[in-house]
């Protein structure tokens, strides 16, 4: 069983991104999504990152809450 805390920092690490608070804030400030685009459709994700986001939301996995939070922050 995975006992990892799934917060924004661990999500960024899972996506292979810098997960420092400064880097997370900079990412959110510089990446915005239009209302009609899903999070995984954004051009700034690699195909592996987009697949991770899509699959975890589809499965309502442990990651889905923090992925939803990121989605809201990018709007």
PDB file of N, CA and C in Angstrom:
ATOM      1  N   UNK A   1       0.836  -1.178   0.000  1.00  0.00           N
ATOM      2  CA  UNK A   1       0.000   0.000   0.000  1.00  0.00           C
ATOM      3  C   UNK A   1       0.884   1.245   0.000  1.00  0.00           C
ATOM      4  N   UNK A   2       0.557   2.197  -0.846  1.00  0.00           N
ATOM      5  CA  UNK A   2       1.299   3.454  -0.939  1.00  0.00           C
ATOM      6  C   UNK A   2       0.827   4.395   0.160  1.00  0.00           C
ATOM      7  N   UNK A   3       1.728   4.773   1.054  1.00  0.00           N
ATOM      8  CA  UNK A   3       1.388   5.667   2.167  1.00  0.00           C
ATOM      9  C   UNK A   3       1.915   7.079   1.931  1.00  0.00           C
ATOM     10  N   UNK A   4       2.320   7.387   0.712  1.00  0.00           N
ATOM     11  CA  UNK A   4       2.845   8.700   0.382  1.00  0.00           C
ATOM     12  C   UNK A   4       1.755   9.751   0.504  1.00  0.00           C
ATOM     13  N   UNK A   5       2.120  10.895   1.071  1.00  0.00           N
ATOM     14  CA  UNK A   5       1.197  12.024   1.110  1.00  0.00           C
ATOM     15  C   UNK A   5       1.162  12.636  -0.286  1.00  0.00           C
ATOM     16  N   UNK A   6      -0.007  12.718  -0.842  1.00  0.00           N
ATOM     17  CA  UNK A   6      -0.148  13.272  -2.188  1.00  0.00           C
ATOM     18  C   UNK A   6      -0.527  14.749  -2.088  1.00  0.00           C
ATOM     19  N   UNK A   7       0.501  15.577  -2.047  1.00  0.00           N
ATOM     20  CA  UNK A   7       0.301  17.011  -2.023  1.00  0.00           C
ATOM     21  C   UNK A   7       0.923  17.603  -3.291  1.00  0.00           C
ATOM     22  N   UNK A   8       0.871  18.912  -3.414  1.00  0.00           N
ATOM     23  CA  UNK A   8       1.357  19.553  -4.637  1.00  0.00           C
ATOM     24  C   UNK A   8       2.837  19.274  -4.869  1.00  0.00           C
ATOM     25  N   UNK A   9       3.628  19.289  -3.819  1.00  0.00           N
ATOM     26  CA  UNK A   9       5.065  19.037  -3.969  1.00  0.00           C
ATOM     27  C   UNK A   9       5.324  17.616  -4.464  1.00  0.00           C
ATOM     28  N   UNK A  10       4.613  16.627  -3.939  1.00  0.00           N
ATOM     29  CA  UNK A  10       4.822  15.254  -4.394  1.00  0.00           C
ATOM     30  C   UNK A  10       4.284  15.054  -5.799  1.00  0.00           C
ATOM     31  N   UNK A  11       3.213  15.774  -6.160  1.00  0.00           N
ATOM     32  CA  UNK A  11       2.700  15.691  -7.531  1.00  0.00           C
ATOM     33  C   UNK A  11       3.737  16.239  -8.510  1.00  0.00           C
ATOM     34  N   UNK A  12       4.318  17.375  -8.208  1.00  0.00           N
ATOM     35  CA  UNK A  12       5.338  17.947  -9.091  1.00  0.00           C
ATOM     36  C   UNK A  12       6.536  17.014  -9.208  1.00  0.00           C
ATOM     37  N   UNK A  13       6.933  16.413  -8.102  1.00  0.00           N
ATOM     38  CA  UNK A  13       8.037  15.449  -8.147  1.00  0.00           C
ATOM     39  C   UNK A  13       7.660  14.247  -9.009  1.00  0.00           C
ATOM     40  N   UNK A  14       6.438  13.752  -8.863  1.00  0.00           N
ATOM     41  CA  UNK A  14       5.968  12.617  -9.654  1.00  0.00           C
ATOM     42  C   UNK A  14       5.980  12.950 -11.147  1.00  0.00           C
ATOM     43  N   UNK A  15       5.683  14.198 -11.470  1.00  0.00           N
ATOM     44  CA  UNK A  15       5.670  14.651 -12.867  1.00  0.00           C
ATOM     45  C   UNK A  15       7.076  14.980 -13.375  1.00  0.00           C
ATOM     46  N   UNK A  16       8.078  14.865 -12.506  1.00  0.00           N
ATOM     47  CA  UNK A  16       9.457  15.147 -12.910  1.00  0.00           C
ATOM     48  C   UNK A  16       9.782  16.629 -12.965  1.00  0.00           C
ATOM     49  N   UNK A  17       9.014  17.415 -12.222  1.00  0.00           N
ATOM     50  CA  UNK A  17       9.202  18.861 -12.209  1.00  0.00           C
ATOM     51  C   UNK A  17       9.835  19.284 -10.887  1.00  0.00           C
ATOM     52  N   UNK A  18      10.472  20.452 -10.909  1.00  0.00           N
ATOM     53  CA  UNK A  18      11.019  21.026  -9.683  1.00  0.00           C
ATOM     54  C   UNK A  18       9.855  21.202  -8.710  1.00  0.00           C
ATOM     55  N   UNK A  19       9.989  20.676  -7.504  1.00  0.00           N
ATOM     56  CA  UNK A  19       8.877  20.722  -6.565  1.00  0.00           C
ATOM     57  C   UNK A  19       9.114  21.647  -5.374  1.00  0.00           C
ATOM     58  N   UNK A  20      10.040  22.582  -5.546  1.00  0.00           N
ATOM     59  CA  UNK A  20      10.221  23.581  -4.486  1.00  0.00           C
ATOM     60  C   UNK A  20       9.019  24.530  -4.510  1.00  0.00           C
ATOM     61  N   UNK A  21       8.671  25.128  -3.374  1.00  0.00           N
ATOM     62  CA  UNK A  21       7.538  26.059  -3.360  1.00  0.00           C
ATOM     63  C   UNK A  21       7.676  27.191  -4.384  1.00  0.00           C
ATOM     64  N   UNK A  22       8.888  27.714  -4.538  1.00  0.00           N
ATOM     65  CA  UNK A  22       9.115  28.792  -5.504  1.00  0.00           C
ATOM     66  C   UNK A  22       8.854  28.317  -6.928  1.00  0.00           C
ATOM     67  N   UNK A  23       9.329  27.126  -7.260  1.00  0.00           N
ATOM     68  CA  UNK A  23       9.134  26.591  -8.612  1.00  0.00           C
ATOM     69  C   UNK A  23       7.674  26.273  -8.878  1.00  0.00           C
ATOM     70  N   UNK A  24       6.980  25.736  -7.893  1.00  0.00           N
ATOM     71  CA  UNK A  24       5.553  25.437  -8.058  1.00  0.00           C
ATOM     72  C   UNK A  24       4.777  26.730  -8.307  1.00  0.00           C
ATOM     73  N   UNK A  25       5.039  27.751  -7.506  1.00  0.00           N
ATOM     74  CA  UNK A  25       4.362  29.042  -7.693  1.00  0.00           C
ATOM     75  C   UNK A  25       4.672  29.648  -9.053  1.00  0.00           C
ATOM     76  N   UNK A  26       5.918  29.543  -9.496  1.00  0.00           N
ATOM     77  CA  UNK A  26       6.300  30.078 -10.808  1.00  0.00           C
ATOM     78  C   UNK A  26       5.603  29.312 -11.930  1.00  0.00           C
ATOM     79  N   UNK A  27       5.517  27.998 -11.802  1.00  0.00           N
ATOM     80  CA  UNK A  27       4.838  27.177 -12.806  1.00  0.00           C
ATOM     81  C   UNK A  27       3.373  27.593 -12.920  1.00  0.00           C
ATOM     82  N   UNK A  28       2.710  27.719 -11.795  1.00  0.00           N
ATOM     83  CA  UNK A  28       1.295  28.083 -11.790  1.00  0.00           C
ATOM     84  C   UNK A  28       1.099  29.485 -12.364  1.00  0.00           C
ATOM     85  N   UNK A  29       1.987  30.403 -12.035  1.00  0.00           N
ATOM     86  CA  UNK A  29       1.876  31.775 -12.536  1.00  0.00           C
ATOM     87  C   UNK A  29       2.103  31.864 -14.043  1.00  0.00           C
ATOM     88  N   UNK A  30       2.909  30.969 -14.594  1.00  0.00           N
ATOM     89  CA  UNK A  30       3.257  31.072 -16.014  1.00  0.00           C
ATOM     90  C   UNK A  30       2.494  30.112 -16.923  1.00  0.00           C
ATOM     91  N   UNK A  31       1.644  29.267 -16.367  1.00  0.00           N
ATOM     92  CA  UNK A  31       0.868  28.316 -17.167  1.00  0.00           C
ATOM     93  C   UNK A  31      -0.612  28.459 -16.829  1.00  0.00           C
ATOM     94  N   UNK A  32      -1.382  28.917 -17.779  1.00  0.00           N
ATOM     95  CA  UNK A  32      -2.826  29.061 -17.581  1.00  0.00           C
ATOM     96  C   UNK A  32      -3.550  28.276 -18.668  1.00  0.00           C
ATOM     97  N   UNK A  33      -4.703  27.726 -18.288  1.00  0.00           N
ATOM     98  CA  UNK A  33      -5.491  26.913 -19.214  1.00  0.00           C
ATOM     99  C   UNK A  33      -6.808  27.602 -19.543  1.00  0.00           C
ATOM    100  N   UNK A  34      -7.232  27.528 -20.795  1.00  0.00           N
ATOM    101  CA  UNK A  34      -8.562  28.021 -21.139  1.00  0.00           C
ATOM    102  C   UNK A  34      -9.627  27.117 -20.522  1.00  0.00           C
ATOM    103  N   UNK A  35     -10.789  27.646 -20.302  1.00  0.00           N
ATOM    104  CA  UNK A  35     -11.879  26.908 -19.651  1.00  0.00           C
ATOM    105  C   UNK A  35     -12.276  25.648 -20.408  1.00  0.00           C
ATOM    106  N   UNK A  36     -12.124  25.648 -21.730  1.00  0.00           N
ATOM    107  CA  UNK A  36     -12.585  24.510 -22.527  1.00  0.00           C
ATOM    108  C   UNK A  36     -11.506  23.438 -22.751  1.00  0.00           C
ATOM    109  N   UNK A  37     -10.373  23.541 -22.070  1.00  0.00           N
ATOM    110  CA  UNK A  37      -9.277  22.584 -22.231  1.00  0.00           C
ATOM    111  C   UNK A  37      -9.123  21.762 -20.952  1.00  0.00           C
ATOM    112  N   UNK A  38      -8.975  20.457 -21.110  1.00  0.00           N
ATOM    113  CA  UNK A  38      -8.702  19.635 -19.933  1.00  0.00           C
ATOM    114  C   UNK A  38      -7.248  19.821 -19.529  1.00  0.00           C
ATOM    115  N   UNK A  39      -6.970  19.518 -18.295  1.00  0.00           N
ATOM    116  CA  UNK A  39      -5.619  19.677 -17.781  1.00  0.00           C
ATOM    117  C   UNK A  39      -4.608  18.894 -18.605  1.00  0.00           C
ATOM    118  N   UNK A  40      -4.928  17.657 -18.925  1.00  0.00           N
ATOM    119  CA  UNK A  40      -3.989  16.800 -19.653  1.00  0.00           C
ATOM    120  C   UNK A  40      -3.771  17.233 -21.101  1.00  0.00           C
ATOM    121  N   UNK A  41      -4.651  18.054 -21.647  1.00  0.00           N
ATOM    122  CA  UNK A  41      -4.509  18.520 -23.029  1.00  0.00           C
ATOM    123  C   UNK A  41      -3.501  19.656 -23.184  1.00  0.00           C
ATOM    124  N   UNK A  42      -3.064  20.223 -22.099  1.00  0.00           N
ATOM    125  CA  UNK A  42      -2.159  21.374 -22.167  1.00  0.00           C
ATOM    126  C   UNK A  42      -0.860  20.996 -22.882  1.00  0.00           C
ATOM    127  N   UNK A  43      -0.386  21.904 -23.698  1.00  0.00           N
ATOM    128  CA  UNK A  43       0.797  21.644 -24.521  1.00  0.00           C
ATOM    129  C   UNK A  43       2.091  21.572 -23.711  1.00  0.00           C
ATOM    130  N   UNK A  44       2.078  22.034 -22.475  1.00  0.00           N
ATOM    131  CA  UNK A  44       3.314  22.040 -21.689  1.00  0.00           C
ATOM    132  C   UNK A  44       3.624  20.703 -21.016  1.00  0.00           C
ATOM    133  N   UNK A  45       2.723  19.716 -21.131  1.00  0.00           N
ATOM    134  CA  UNK A  45       2.996  18.392 -20.568  1.00  0.00           C
ATOM    135  C   UNK A  45       3.673  17.511 -21.603  1.00  0.00           C
ATOM    136  N   UNK A  46       4.540  16.635 -21.148  1.00  0.00           N
ATOM    137  CA  UNK A  46       5.045  15.575 -22.022  1.00  0.00           C
ATOM    138  C   UNK A  46       3.931  14.541 -22.160  1.00  0.00           C
ATOM    139  N   UNK A  47       4.081  13.627 -23.081  1.00  0.00           N
ATOM    140  CA  UNK A  47       3.042  12.601 -23.239  1.00  0.00           C
ATOM    141  C   UNK A  47       2.943  11.728 -21.981  1.00  0.00           C
ATOM    142  N   UNK A  48       4.059  11.453 -21.325  1.00  0.00           N
ATOM    143  CA  UNK A  48       4.035  10.654 -20.091  1.00  0.00           C
ATOM    144  C   UNK A  48       3.321  11.404 -18.964  1.00  0.00           C
ATOM    145  N   UNK A  49       3.574  12.701 -18.845  1.00  0.00           N
ATOM    146  CA  UNK A  49       2.903  13.494 -17.822  1.00  0.00           C
ATOM    147  C   UNK A  49       1.400  13.550 -18.085  1.00  0.00           C
ATOM    148  N   UNK A  50       1.014  13.787 -19.332  1.00  0.00           N
ATOM    149  CA  UNK A  50      -0.405  13.848 -19.689  1.00  0.00           C
ATOM    150  C   UNK A  50      -1.092  12.511 -19.414  1.00  0.00           C
ATOM    151  N   UNK A  51      -0.421  11.418 -19.722  1.00  0.00           N
ATOM    152  CA  UNK A  51      -0.982  10.089 -19.457  1.00  0.00           C
ATOM    153  C   UNK A  51      -1.163   9.861 -17.959  1.00  0.00           C
ATOM    154  N   UNK A  52      -0.181  10.260 -17.169  1.00  0.00           N
ATOM    155  CA  UNK A  52      -0.279  10.120 -15.719  1.00  0.00           C
ATOM    156  C   UNK A  52      -1.496  10.885 -15.194  1.00  0.00           C
ATOM    157  N   UNK A  53      -1.653  12.121 -15.632  1.00  0.00           N
ATOM    158  CA  UNK A  53      -2.780  12.939 -15.181  1.00  0.00           C
ATOM    159  C   UNK A  53      -4.112  12.322 -15.601  1.00  0.00           C
ATOM    160  N   UNK A  54      -4.205  11.925 -16.860  1.00  0.00           N
ATOM    161  CA  UNK A  54      -5.442  11.346 -17.385  1.00  0.00           C
ATOM    162  C   UNK A  54      -5.814  10.066 -16.657  1.00  0.00           C
ATOM    163  N   UNK A  55      -4.877   9.163 -16.534  1.00  0.00           N
ATOM    164  CA  UNK A  55      -5.159   7.864 -15.918  1.00  0.00           C
ATOM    165  C   UNK A  55      -5.534   7.985 -14.443  1.00  0.00           C
ATOM    166  N   UNK A  56      -4.855   8.852 -13.724  1.00  0.00           N
ATOM    167  CA  UNK A  56      -5.160   8.993 -12.304  1.00  0.00           C
ATOM    168  C   UNK A  56      -6.504   9.670 -12.064  1.00  0.00           C
ATOM    169  N   UNK A  57      -6.886  10.584 -12.931  1.00  0.00           N
ATOM    170  CA  UNK A  57      -8.220  11.175 -12.807  1.00  0.00           C
ATOM    171  C   UNK A  57      -9.292  10.168 -13.203  1.00  0.00           C
ATOM    172  N   UNK A  58      -9.040   9.443 -14.269  1.00  0.00           N
ATOM    173  CA  UNK A  58      -9.996   8.440 -14.758  1.00  0.00           C
ATOM    174  C   UNK A  58     -10.260   7.368 -13.698  1.00  0.00           C
ATOM    175  N   UNK A  59      -9.220   6.947 -12.999  1.00  0.00           N
ATOM    176  CA  UNK A  59      -9.338   5.903 -11.991  1.00  0.00           C
ATOM    177  C   UNK A  59      -9.737   6.449 -10.621  1.00  0.00           C
ATOM    178  N   UNK A  60      -9.889   7.762 -10.506  1.00  0.00           N
ATOM    179  CA  UNK A  60     -10.163   8.407  -9.224  1.00  0.00           C
ATOM    180  C   UNK A  60      -9.161   7.912  -8.176  1.00  0.00           C
ATOM    181  N   UNK A  61      -7.912   7.878  -8.587  1.00  0.00           N
ATOM    182  CA  UNK A  61      -6.821   7.368  -7.753  1.00  0.00           C
ATOM    183  C   UNK A  61      -6.484   8.343  -6.624  1.00  0.00           C
ATOM    184  N   UNK A  62      -5.560   7.920  -5.773  1.00  0.00           N
ATOM    185  CA  UNK A  62      -5.136   8.760  -4.652  1.00  0.00           C
ATOM    186  C   UNK A  62      -4.641  10.129  -5.107  1.00  0.00           C
ATOM    187  N   UNK A  63      -4.113  10.189  -6.308  1.00  0.00           N
ATOM    188  CA  UNK A  63      -3.587  11.446  -6.843  1.00  0.00           C
ATOM    189  C   UNK A  63      -4.686  12.398  -7.306  1.00  0.00           C
ATOM    190  N   UNK A  64      -5.902  11.934  -7.476  1.00  0.00           N
ATOM    191  CA  UNK A  64      -6.928  12.751  -8.138  1.00  0.00           C
ATOM    192  C   UNK A  64      -7.238  14.055  -7.408  1.00  0.00           C
ATOM    193  N   UNK A  65      -7.229  14.070  -6.084  1.00  0.00           N
ATOM    194  CA  UNK A  65      -7.531  15.312  -5.361  1.00  0.00           C
ATOM    195  C   UNK A  65      -6.501  16.398  -5.644  1.00  0.00           C
ATOM    196  N   UNK A  66      -5.231  16.048  -5.589  1.00  0.00           N
ATOM    197  CA  UNK A  66      -4.204  17.062  -5.822  1.00  0.00           C
ATOM    198  C   UNK A  66      -4.139  17.435  -7.307  1.00  0.00           C
ATOM    199  N   UNK A  67      -4.451  16.510  -8.193  1.00  0.00           N
ATOM    200  CA  UNK A  67      -4.530  16.845  -9.624  1.00  0.00           C
ATOM    201  C   UNK A  67      -5.668  17.832  -9.852  1.00  0.00           C
ATOM    202  N   UNK A  68      -6.801  17.627  -9.189  1.00  0.00           N
ATOM    203  CA  UNK A  68      -7.915  18.571  -9.281  1.00  0.00           C
ATOM    204  C   UNK A  68      -7.513  19.946  -8.752  1.00  0.00           C
ATOM    205  N   UNK A  69      -6.744  19.964  -7.672  1.00  0.00           N
ATOM    206  CA  UNK A  69      -6.273  21.240  -7.122  1.00  0.00           C
ATOM    207  C   UNK A  69      -5.398  21.978  -8.134  1.00  0.00           C
ATOM    208  N   UNK A  70      -4.489  21.239  -8.773  1.00  0.00           N
ATOM    209  CA  UNK A  70      -3.640  21.860  -9.784  1.00  0.00           C
ATOM    210  C   UNK A  70      -4.480  22.382 -10.935  1.00  0.00           C
ATOM    211  N   UNK A  71      -5.447  21.612 -11.353  1.00  0.00           N
ATOM    212  CA  UNK A  71      -6.336  22.032 -12.433  1.00  0.00           C
ATOM    213  C   UNK A  71      -7.011  23.374 -12.077  1.00  0.00           C
ATOM    214  N   UNK A  72      -7.507  23.492 -10.874  1.00  0.00           N
ATOM    215  CA  UNK A  72      -8.158  24.745 -10.455  1.00  0.00           C
ATOM    216  C   UNK A  72      -7.170  25.905 -10.401  1.00  0.00           C
ATOM    217  N   UNK A  73      -5.960  25.639  -9.936  1.00  0.00           N
ATOM    218  CA  UNK A  73      -4.958  26.705  -9.842  1.00  0.00           C
ATOM    219  C   UNK A  73      -4.520  27.210 -11.214  1.00  0.00           C
ATOM    220  N   UNK A  74      -4.647  26.377 -12.227  1.00  0.00           N
ATOM    221  CA  UNK A  74      -4.227  26.783 -13.580  1.00  0.00           C
ATOM    222  C   UNK A  74      -5.345  27.460 -14.368  1.00  0.00           C
ATOM    223  N   UNK A  75      -6.476  27.678 -13.760  1.00  0.00           N
ATOM    224  CA  UNK A  75      -7.600  28.347 -14.435  1.00  0.00           C
ATOM    225  C   UNK A  75      -7.604  29.827 -14.151  1.00  0.00           C
TER     226      UNK A  75
END
